[in-house]
Amino acid sequence: MGNIIGYELSDGFFSDLMEGRRVMKSPEHLLIGKDAMIIPQNEKEGVPYRRK
């Protein structure tokens, strides 16, 4: 079995194209649903964008 070391964040299709996506390490607070993962806004802030 592998380990999850980070998550790729998306701010939406057009934002991903213009700014790239963010990669963050496992957040302290995390809510995982069937189709999405939700994290508090303050944990997303400060995570740099990464262009592909």
Protein backbone atom coordinates (compact mmCIF):
# COMPACT_ATOMS: atom_id res chain seq x y z
CA MET A 1 0.00 0.00 0.00
CA GLY A 2 1.20 3.51 -0.74
CA ASN A 3 1.05 6.66 1.33
CA ILE A 4 -0.58 9.94 0.39
CA ILE A 5 2.02 12.67 0.84
CA GLY A 6 0.13 15.57 -0.71
CA TYR A 7 -2.98 16.74 -2.51
CA GLU A 8 -3.32 18.67 -5.76
CA LEU A 9 -5.76 21.57 -5.34
CA SER A 10 -7.93 23.04 -8.07
CA ASP A 11 -9.59 26.46 -8.01
CA GLY A 12 -11.57 25.64 -11.16
CA PHE A 13 -10.86 24.94 -14.81
CA PHE A 14 -9.96 28.47 -15.96
CA SER A 15 -7.95 29.26 -12.84
CA ASP A 16 -5.98 26.05 -13.33
CA LEU A 17 -5.19 27.05 -16.91
CA MET A 18 -4.13 30.59 -16.00
CA GLU A 19 -2.37 30.06 -12.66
CA GLY A 20 -1.71 26.32 -12.40
CA ARG A 21 -2.68 24.10 -9.52
CA ARG A 22 -1.48 24.01 -5.94
CA VAL A 23 0.03 21.04 -4.15
CA MET A 24 -0.26 20.89 -0.39
CA LYS A 25 0.77 18.41 2.25
CA SER A 26 -1.97 16.72 4.25
CA PRO A 27 -4.02 19.47 5.93
CA GLU A 28 -4.80 19.42 9.63
CA HIS A 29 -8.57 19.66 9.07
CA LEU A 30 -10.00 17.62 6.23
CA LEU A 31 -13.50 16.60 5.15
CA ILE A 32 -13.62 13.87 2.51
CA GLY A 33 -16.83 13.28 0.59
CA LYS A 34 -17.75 10.95 -2.23
CA ASP A 35 -16.52 13.24 -5.02
CA ALA A 36 -14.55 16.00 -3.29
CA MET A 37 -12.24 16.91 -0.45
CA ILE A 38 -13.00 20.10 1.48
CA ILE A 39 -10.42 22.03 3.47
CA PRO A 40 -10.79 25.34 5.35
CA GLN A 41 -9.88 28.46 3.33
CA ASN A 42 -7.18 29.47 5.83
CA GLU A 43 -5.31 26.17 5.26
CA LYS A 44 -5.29 26.73 1.48
CA GLU A 45 -3.86 30.25 1.75
CA GLY A 46 -0.12 30.43 1.40
CA VAL A 47 0.15 27.27 -0.71
CA PRO A 48 2.03 28.34 -3.87
CA TYR A 49 0.72 27.72 -7.39
CA ARG A 50 2.61 25.25 -9.54
CA ARG A 51 2.54 25.59 -13.31
CA LYS A 52 2.64 22.44 -15.40
